[in-house]
Amino acid sequence: MPQKIWCSCGFIDGEEYTVAPGSSVILVGTHHDQIVKLKNYRQLSENFQSIIYKRFMDTSQSEKLGYPKVLESIEISSKTGYNIKQLCTLIYDIAGQLLVPNSKDQNIFQQRIPAKYIYLEEALEEYRINKKISMLNDKEYQELIKEISQQKNHVQFRDYVELQQATKWLHVNGIIVHFEDTLLSNYYFLDPQYLAELLAQLIASEQTNGLSRHGNSL
């Protein structure tokens, strides 16, 4: 079921769409501490890895199906700590190979980030935790930024364009979620996990086709 939900995230009404084309993906199998107890665990693991490779990592097939670029798959357990360090290393190594958008040779780890972006990230995180708010509309977001700017002199933006650049940086780095799509551009998700859970519920429900199709799910 989780695999079905993940695959379905790339399609609406049977039509393929891509939110982040060319993104590098690591498939993570959780709850290894439970699966390893099964007598046929080794065989199940090998079979599943084979399925993952054929469906997602064999580029000749994955590109035809519109799947993202899956580079690795790994089994972990947050309970026992199995492969957690290996996953961290894997993420770091793959991220280290990524280049800054529109750059041919600048590594993302070498990218210079305006200090105000970091201060904005911290301010939004503090607001989300204290207010327990996961989503804002455009008006609420603009008012919040204005309030933050008044309280913190180091978080000042010249104009709306500069603010949008900062917002895009927050989105690209997974700190918040904001789509430029017409139906969703009015929403700013301060908690990406909230959106992930919301999408999972929508996809899993058999009664949401009409809602998602007409953009009324929010």
C-alpha atoms as a PDB file:
ATOM      1  CA  MET A   1       0.000   0.000   0.000  1.00  0.00           C
ATOM      2  CA  PRO A   2       2.732   2.589   0.864  1.00  0.00           C
ATOM      3  CA  GLN A   3       4.404   1.860  -2.477  1.00  0.00           C
ATOM      4  CA  LYS A   4       1.082   2.353  -4.254  1.00  0.00           C
ATOM      5  CA  ILE A   5       0.530   5.695  -2.508  1.00  0.00           C
ATOM      6  CA  TRP A   6       4.058   6.875  -3.319  1.00  0.00           C
ATOM      7  CA  CYS A   7       3.701   5.945  -6.981  1.00  0.00           C
ATOM      8  CA  SER A   8       0.296   7.596  -7.200  1.00  0.00           C
ATOM      9  CA  CYS A   9       1.735  10.928  -6.055  1.00  0.00           C
ATOM     10  CA  GLY A  10       3.013  11.484  -9.590  1.00  0.00           C
ATOM     11  CA  PHE A  11      -0.351  11.169 -11.294  1.00  0.00           C
ATOM     12  CA  ILE A  12      -3.670  13.025 -11.284  1.00  0.00           C
ATOM     13  CA  ASP A  13      -6.626  11.415 -13.059  1.00  0.00           C
ATOM     14  CA  GLY A  14      -4.204   9.100 -14.848  1.00  0.00           C
ATOM     15  CA  GLU A  15      -2.156  11.967 -16.270  1.00  0.00           C
ATOM     16  CA  GLU A  16       1.501  12.298 -15.368  1.00  0.00           C
ATOM     17  CA  TYR A  17       2.813  15.475 -13.781  1.00  0.00           C
ATOM     18  CA  THR A  18       6.238  16.299 -12.372  1.00  0.00           C
ATOM     19  CA  VAL A  19       6.757  18.692  -9.475  1.00  0.00           C
ATOM     20  CA  ALA A  20      10.553  18.424  -9.324  1.00  0.00           C
ATOM     21  CA  PRO A  21      11.887  16.845 -12.520  1.00  0.00           C
ATOM     22  CA  GLY A  22      15.292  15.209 -12.177  1.00  0.00           C
ATOM     23  CA  SER A  23      15.150  15.125  -8.379  1.00  0.00           C
ATOM     24  CA  SER A  24      17.334  12.497  -6.725  1.00  0.00           C
ATOM     25  CA  VAL A  25      15.358  10.006  -4.623  1.00  0.00           C
ATOM     26  CA  ILE A  26      16.330   7.451  -1.969  1.00  0.00           C
ATOM     27  CA  LEU A  27      13.716   4.799  -1.193  1.00  0.00           C
ATOM     28  CA  VAL A  28      13.760   4.044   2.538  1.00  0.00           C
ATOM     29  CA  GLY A  29      12.206   0.870   3.931  1.00  0.00           C
ATOM     30  CA  THR A  30      11.253   1.423   7.581  1.00  0.00           C
ATOM     31  CA  HIS A  31      10.448  -0.983  10.450  1.00  0.00           C
ATOM     32  CA  HIS A  32      13.367  -3.311   9.688  1.00  0.00           C
ATOM     33  CA  ASP A  33      13.190  -4.444  13.338  1.00  0.00           C
ATOM     34  CA  GLN A  34       9.767  -5.995  12.624  1.00  0.00           C
ATOM     35  CA  ILE A  35      10.420  -7.423   9.165  1.00  0.00           C
ATOM     36  CA  VAL A  36      13.674  -9.108  10.182  1.00  0.00           C
ATOM     37  CA  LYS A  37      11.717 -11.346  12.574  1.00  0.00           C
ATOM     38  CA  LEU A  38      10.071 -13.150   9.647  1.00  0.00           C
ATOM     39  CA  LYS A  39      11.553 -16.534   8.754  1.00  0.00           C
ATOM     40  CA  ASN A  40      11.743 -15.699   5.066  1.00  0.00           C
ATOM     41  CA  TYR A  41      13.033 -12.151   5.659  1.00  0.00           C
ATOM     42  CA  ARG A  42      16.162 -12.541   3.521  1.00  0.00           C
ATOM     43  CA  GLN A  43      14.192 -13.824   0.541  1.00  0.00           C
ATOM     44  CA  LEU A  44      11.550 -11.112   0.935  1.00  0.00           C
ATOM     45  CA  SER A  45      14.229  -8.441   1.133  1.00  0.00           C
ATOM     46  CA  GLU A  46      16.022  -9.684  -1.982  1.00  0.00           C
ATOM     47  CA  ASN A  47      12.759  -9.927  -3.929  1.00  0.00           C
ATOM     48  CA  PHE A  48      11.695  -6.444  -2.892  1.00  0.00           C
ATOM     49  CA  GLN A  49      15.068  -4.949  -3.819  1.00  0.00           C
ATOM     50  CA  SER A  50      14.761  -6.628  -7.208  1.00  0.00           C
ATOM     51  CA  ILE A  51      11.305  -5.112  -7.723  1.00  0.00           C
ATOM     52  CA  ILE A  52      12.590  -1.676  -6.713  1.00  0.00           C
ATOM     53  CA  TYR A  53      15.461  -1.891  -9.168  1.00  0.00           C
ATOM     54  CA  LYS A  54      13.313  -3.019 -12.098  1.00  0.00           C
ATOM     55  CA  ARG A  55      10.532  -0.524 -11.448  1.00  0.00           C
ATOM     56  CA  PHE A  56      12.400   2.562 -10.252  1.00  0.00           C
ATOM     57  CA  MET A  57      16.163   2.282 -10.792  1.00  0.00           C
ATOM     58  CA  ASP A  58      16.278   0.770 -14.277  1.00  0.00           C
ATOM     59  CA  THR A  59      16.172   4.087 -16.129  1.00  0.00           C
ATOM     60  CA  SER A  60      14.884   2.557 -19.345  1.00  0.00           C
ATOM     61  CA  GLN A  61      11.686   1.643 -17.482  1.00  0.00           C
ATOM     62  CA  SER A  62      11.373   4.389 -14.871  1.00  0.00           C
ATOM     63  CA  GLU A  63      11.607   7.199 -17.426  1.00  0.00           C
ATOM     64  CA  LYS A  64       8.844   5.638 -19.511  1.00  0.00           C
ATOM     65  CA  LEU A  65       6.596   5.487 -16.445  1.00  0.00           C
ATOM     66  CA  GLY A  66       7.439   9.039 -15.400  1.00  0.00           C
ATOM     67  CA  TYR A  67       9.064   8.103 -12.088  1.00  0.00           C
ATOM     68  CA  PRO A  68      11.757  10.333 -10.531  1.00  0.00           C
ATOM     69  CA  LYS A  69      15.440   9.424 -10.468  1.00  0.00           C
ATOM     70  CA  VAL A  70      15.799   6.770  -7.749  1.00  0.00           C
ATOM     71  CA  LEU A  71      19.481   6.357  -6.916  1.00  0.00           C
ATOM     72  CA  GLU A  72      19.466   4.068  -3.888  1.00  0.00           C
ATOM     73  CA  SER A  73      17.237   2.007  -1.599  1.00  0.00           C
ATOM     74  CA  ILE A  74      17.965   1.080   1.996  1.00  0.00           C
ATOM     75  CA  GLU A  75      16.259  -0.629   4.944  1.00  0.00           C
ATOM     76  CA  ILE A  76      16.377   1.070   8.339  1.00  0.00           C
ATOM     77  CA  SER A  77      14.932   0.939  11.843  1.00  0.00           C
ATOM     78  CA  SER A  78      14.608   4.047  13.982  1.00  0.00           C
ATOM     79  CA  LYS A  79      13.933   1.752  16.951  1.00  0.00           C
ATOM     80  CA  THR A  80      17.165  -0.261  16.813  1.00  0.00           C
ATOM     81  CA  GLY A  81      19.227   2.255  14.857  1.00  0.00           C
ATOM     82  CA  TYR A  82      19.851  -0.244  12.067  1.00  0.00           C
ATOM     83  CA  ASN A  83      21.407   1.489   9.027  1.00  0.00           C
ATOM     84  CA  ILE A  84      20.624   4.985  10.357  1.00  0.00           C
ATOM     85  CA  LYS A  85      24.251   6.123  10.090  1.00  0.00           C
ATOM     86  CA  GLN A  86      24.493   4.537   6.644  1.00  0.00           C
ATOM     87  CA  LEU A  87      21.389   6.460   5.540  1.00  0.00           C
ATOM     88  CA  CYS A  88      22.871   9.740   6.793  1.00  0.00           C
ATOM     89  CA  THR A  89      26.074   9.037   4.878  1.00  0.00           C
ATOM     90  CA  LEU A  90      24.085   8.123   1.781  1.00  0.00           C
ATOM     91  CA  ILE A  91      22.086  11.359   1.907  1.00  0.00           C
ATOM     92  CA  TYR A  92      25.236  13.416   2.423  1.00  0.00           C
ATOM     93  CA  ASP A  93      27.103  11.731  -0.434  1.00  0.00           C
ATOM     94  CA  ILE A  94      24.236  12.119  -2.910  1.00  0.00           C
ATOM     95  CA  ALA A  95      23.559  15.712  -1.858  1.00  0.00           C
ATOM     96  CA  GLY A  96      27.241  16.468  -2.300  1.00  0.00           C
ATOM     97  CA  GLN A  97      26.982  15.574  -5.973  1.00  0.00           C
ATOM     98  CA  LEU A  98      24.147  18.013  -6.651  1.00  0.00           C
ATOM     99  CA  LEU A  99      24.802  21.295  -8.399  1.00  0.00           C
ATOM    100  CA  VAL A 100      23.285  24.697  -7.771  1.00  0.00           C
ATOM    101  CA  PRO A 101      20.376  25.312 -10.207  1.00  0.00           C
ATOM    102  CA  ASN A 102      21.564  26.900 -13.471  1.00  0.00           C
ATOM    103  CA  SER A 103      25.187  26.174 -12.539  1.00  0.00           C
ATOM    104  CA  LYS A 104      27.516  23.769 -14.335  1.00  0.00           C
ATOM    105  CA  ASP A 105      30.142  23.330 -11.645  1.00  0.00           C
ATOM    106  CA  GLN A 106      29.075  24.912  -8.334  1.00  0.00           C
ATOM    107  CA  ASN A 107      28.277  22.308  -5.683  1.00  0.00           C
ATOM    108  CA  ILE A 108      25.274  23.077  -3.449  1.00  0.00           C
ATOM    109  CA  PHE A 109      27.535  22.843  -0.399  1.00  0.00           C
ATOM    110  CA  GLN A 110      29.545  25.737  -1.840  1.00  0.00           C
ATOM    111  CA  GLN A 111      26.490  27.916  -2.412  1.00  0.00           C
ATOM    112  CA  ARG A 112      26.430  31.196  -0.507  1.00  0.00           C
ATOM    113  CA  ILE A 113      23.113  31.745   1.292  1.00  0.00           C
ATOM    114  CA  PRO A 114      21.921  35.220   2.376  1.00  0.00           C
ATOM    115  CA  ALA A 115      21.859  35.376   6.180  1.00  0.00           C
ATOM    116  CA  LYS A 116      18.304  36.753   6.104  1.00  0.00           C
ATOM    117  CA  TYR A 117      17.110  33.450   4.595  1.00  0.00           C
ATOM    118  CA  ILE A 118      18.394  31.562   7.626  1.00  0.00           C
ATOM    119  CA  TYR A 119      16.886  34.078  10.034  1.00  0.00           C
ATOM    120  CA  LEU A 120      13.565  33.810   8.189  1.00  0.00           C
ATOM    121  CA  GLU A 121      13.703  30.024   8.435  1.00  0.00           C
ATOM    122  CA  GLU A 122      14.241  30.235  12.200  1.00  0.00           C
ATOM    123  CA  ALA A 123      11.433  32.775  12.627  1.00  0.00           C
ATOM    124  CA  LEU A 124       8.936  30.663  10.673  1.00  0.00           C
ATOM    125  CA  GLU A 125       9.897  27.553  12.629  1.00  0.00           C
ATOM    126  CA  GLU A 126       9.426  29.407  15.913  1.00  0.00           C
ATOM    127  CA  TYR A 127       6.027  30.680  14.755  1.00  0.00           C
ATOM    128  CA  ARG A 128       4.889  27.218  13.649  1.00  0.00           C
ATOM    129  CA  ILE A 129       5.856  25.618  16.946  1.00  0.00           C
ATOM    130  CA  ASN A 130       4.444  28.340  19.195  1.00  0.00           C
ATOM    131  CA  LYS A 131       1.196  28.887  17.278  1.00  0.00           C
ATOM    132  CA  LYS A 132       0.801  25.251  16.191  1.00  0.00           C
ATOM    133  CA  ILE A 133      -0.169  26.419  12.699  1.00  0.00           C
ATOM    134  CA  SER A 134       0.784  24.270   9.710  1.00  0.00           C
ATOM    135  CA  MET A 135      -0.627  26.317   6.823  1.00  0.00           C
ATOM    136  CA  LEU A 136      -1.190  29.974   5.921  1.00  0.00           C
ATOM    137  CA  ASN A 137      -2.902  31.627   2.984  1.00  0.00           C
ATOM    138  CA  ASP A 138      -1.096  34.320   1.003  1.00  0.00           C
ATOM    139  CA  LYS A 139      -2.522  37.240   2.989  1.00  0.00           C
ATOM    140  CA  GLU A 140      -1.644  35.610   6.315  1.00  0.00           C
ATOM    141  CA  TYR A 141       1.855  34.795   5.075  1.00  0.00           C
ATOM    142  CA  GLN A 142       2.493  38.376   3.926  1.00  0.00           C
ATOM    143  CA  GLU A 143       1.255  39.737   7.261  1.00  0.00           C
ATOM    144  CA  LEU A 144       3.467  37.300   9.164  1.00  0.00           C
ATOM    145  CA  ILE A 145       6.536  38.309   7.142  1.00  0.00           C
ATOM    146  CA  LYS A 146       5.749  41.981   7.804  1.00  0.00           C
ATOM    147  CA  GLU A 147       5.480  41.247  11.526  1.00  0.00           C
ATOM    148  CA  ILE A 148       8.772  39.325  11.508  1.00  0.00           C
ATOM    149  CA  SER A 149      10.493  42.166   9.635  1.00  0.00           C
ATOM    150  CA  GLN A 150       9.311  44.673  12.236  1.00  0.00           C
ATOM    151  CA  GLN A 151      10.608  42.537  15.090  1.00  0.00           C
ATOM    152  CA  LYS A 152      13.908  41.480  13.484  1.00  0.00           C
ATOM    153  CA  ASN A 153      15.991  44.085  11.680  1.00  0.00           C
ATOM    154  CA  HIS A 154      18.084  41.397   9.964  1.00  0.00           C
ATOM    155  CA  VAL A 155      14.997  39.987   8.187  1.00  0.00           C
ATOM    156  CA  GLN A 156      14.215  42.814   5.779  1.00  0.00           C
ATOM    157  CA  PHE A 157      13.189  42.386   2.137  1.00  0.00           C
ATOM    158  CA  ARG A 158      13.390  45.161  -0.445  1.00  0.00           C
ATOM    159  CA  ASP A 159      10.243  44.126  -2.268  1.00  0.00           C
ATOM    160  CA  TYR A 160       7.851  41.285  -3.035  1.00  0.00           C
ATOM    161  CA  VAL A 161      10.225  39.792  -5.612  1.00  0.00           C
ATOM    162  CA  GLU A 162      13.031  39.404  -3.072  1.00  0.00           C
ATOM    163  CA  LEU A 163      10.619  37.809  -0.608  1.00  0.00           C
ATOM    164  CA  GLN A 164       9.524  35.338  -3.274  1.00  0.00           C
ATOM    165  CA  GLN A 165      13.170  34.437  -3.881  1.00  0.00           C
ATOM    166  CA  ALA A 166      13.573  33.697  -0.176  1.00  0.00           C
ATOM    167  CA  THR A 167      10.331  31.709  -0.168  1.00  0.00           C
ATOM    168  CA  LYS A 168      11.495  29.676  -3.147  1.00  0.00           C
ATOM    169  CA  TRP A 169      14.755  28.884  -1.340  1.00  0.00           C
ATOM    170  CA  LEU A 170      12.787  27.695   1.698  1.00  0.00           C
ATOM    171  CA  HIS A 171      10.641  25.516  -0.578  1.00  0.00           C
ATOM    172  CA  VAL A 172      13.563  24.017  -2.513  1.00  0.00           C
ATOM    173  CA  ASN A 173      15.293  23.102   0.748  1.00  0.00           C
ATOM    174  CA  GLY A 174      12.191  21.427   2.185  1.00  0.00           C
ATOM    175  CA  ILE A 175      11.684  23.941   4.983  1.00  0.00           C
ATOM    176  CA  ILE A 176       8.237  25.023   3.798  1.00  0.00           C
ATOM    177  CA  VAL A 177       6.105  24.025   0.822  1.00  0.00           C
ATOM    178  CA  HIS A 178       4.770  26.573  -1.650  1.00  0.00           C
ATOM    179  CA  PHE A 179       3.697  25.676  -5.175  1.00  0.00           C
ATOM    180  CA  GLU A 180       3.490  28.111  -8.073  1.00  0.00           C
ATOM    181  CA  ASP A 181       0.504  26.183  -9.430  1.00  0.00           C
ATOM    182  CA  THR A 182      -2.571  28.405  -9.854  1.00  0.00           C
ATOM    183  CA  LEU A 183      -4.756  26.285  -7.561  1.00  0.00           C
ATOM    184  CA  LEU A 184      -2.166  26.047  -4.775  1.00  0.00           C
ATOM    185  CA  SER A 185      -0.180  29.292  -4.967  1.00  0.00           C
ATOM    186  CA  ASN A 186      -2.371  30.881  -2.294  1.00  0.00           C
ATOM    187  CA  TYR A 187      -1.171  28.377   0.310  1.00  0.00           C
ATOM    188  CA  TYR A 188       2.072  28.238   2.302  1.00  0.00           C
ATOM    189  CA  PHE A 189       2.671  25.002   4.208  1.00  0.00           C
ATOM    190  CA  LEU A 190       4.924  25.714   7.177  1.00  0.00           C
ATOM    191  CA  ASP A 191       5.016  22.014   8.054  1.00  0.00           C
ATOM    192  CA  PRO A 192       5.877  19.778   5.046  1.00  0.00           C
ATOM    193  CA  GLN A 193       4.998  16.673   7.075  1.00  0.00           C
ATOM    194  CA  TYR A 194       1.450  17.973   7.492  1.00  0.00           C
ATOM    195  CA  LEU A 195       1.083  18.209   3.711  1.00  0.00           C
ATOM    196  CA  ALA A 196       2.556  14.732   3.202  1.00  0.00           C
ATOM    197  CA  GLU A 197       0.044  13.231   5.626  1.00  0.00           C
ATOM    198  CA  LEU A 198      -2.787  15.182   4.004  1.00  0.00           C
ATOM    199  CA  LEU A 199      -1.883  13.897   0.534  1.00  0.00           C
ATOM    200  CA  ALA A 200      -1.593  10.327   1.818  1.00  0.00           C
ATOM    201  CA  GLN A 201      -5.096  10.551   3.276  1.00  0.00           C
ATOM    202  CA  LEU A 202      -6.508  11.974   0.049  1.00  0.00           C
ATOM    203  CA  ILE A 203      -4.916   9.301  -2.110  1.00  0.00           C
ATOM    204  CA  ALA A 204      -5.938   6.487   0.243  1.00  0.00           C
ATOM    205  CA  SER A 205      -9.566   7.599   0.356  1.00  0.00           C
ATOM    206  CA  GLU A 206     -11.869   6.235  -2.326  1.00  0.00           C
ATOM    207  CA  GLN A 207     -14.174   9.233  -2.035  1.00  0.00           C
ATOM    208  CA  THR A 208     -11.786  12.100  -2.840  1.00  0.00           C
ATOM    209  CA  ASN A 209     -11.512  11.837  -6.633  1.00  0.00           C
ATOM    210  CA  GLY A 210     -13.995  14.638  -7.201  1.00  0.00           C
ATOM    211  CA  LEU A 211     -12.425  16.849  -4.536  1.00  0.00           C
ATOM    212  CA  SER A 212      -8.860  16.550  -5.782  1.00  0.00           C
ATOM    213  CA  ARG A 213      -9.935  16.881  -9.411  1.00  0.00           C
ATOM    214  CA  HIS A 214     -11.667  20.202  -8.791  1.00  0.00           C
ATOM    215  CA  GLY A 215      -9.012  21.570  -6.441  1.00  0.00           C
ATOM    216  CA  ASN A 216     -11.333  21.754  -3.429  1.00  0.00           C
ATOM    217  CA  SER A 217      -9.488  19.349  -1.163  1.00  0.00           C
ATOM    218  CA  LEU A 218      -8.050  22.160   0.963  1.00  0.00           C
END
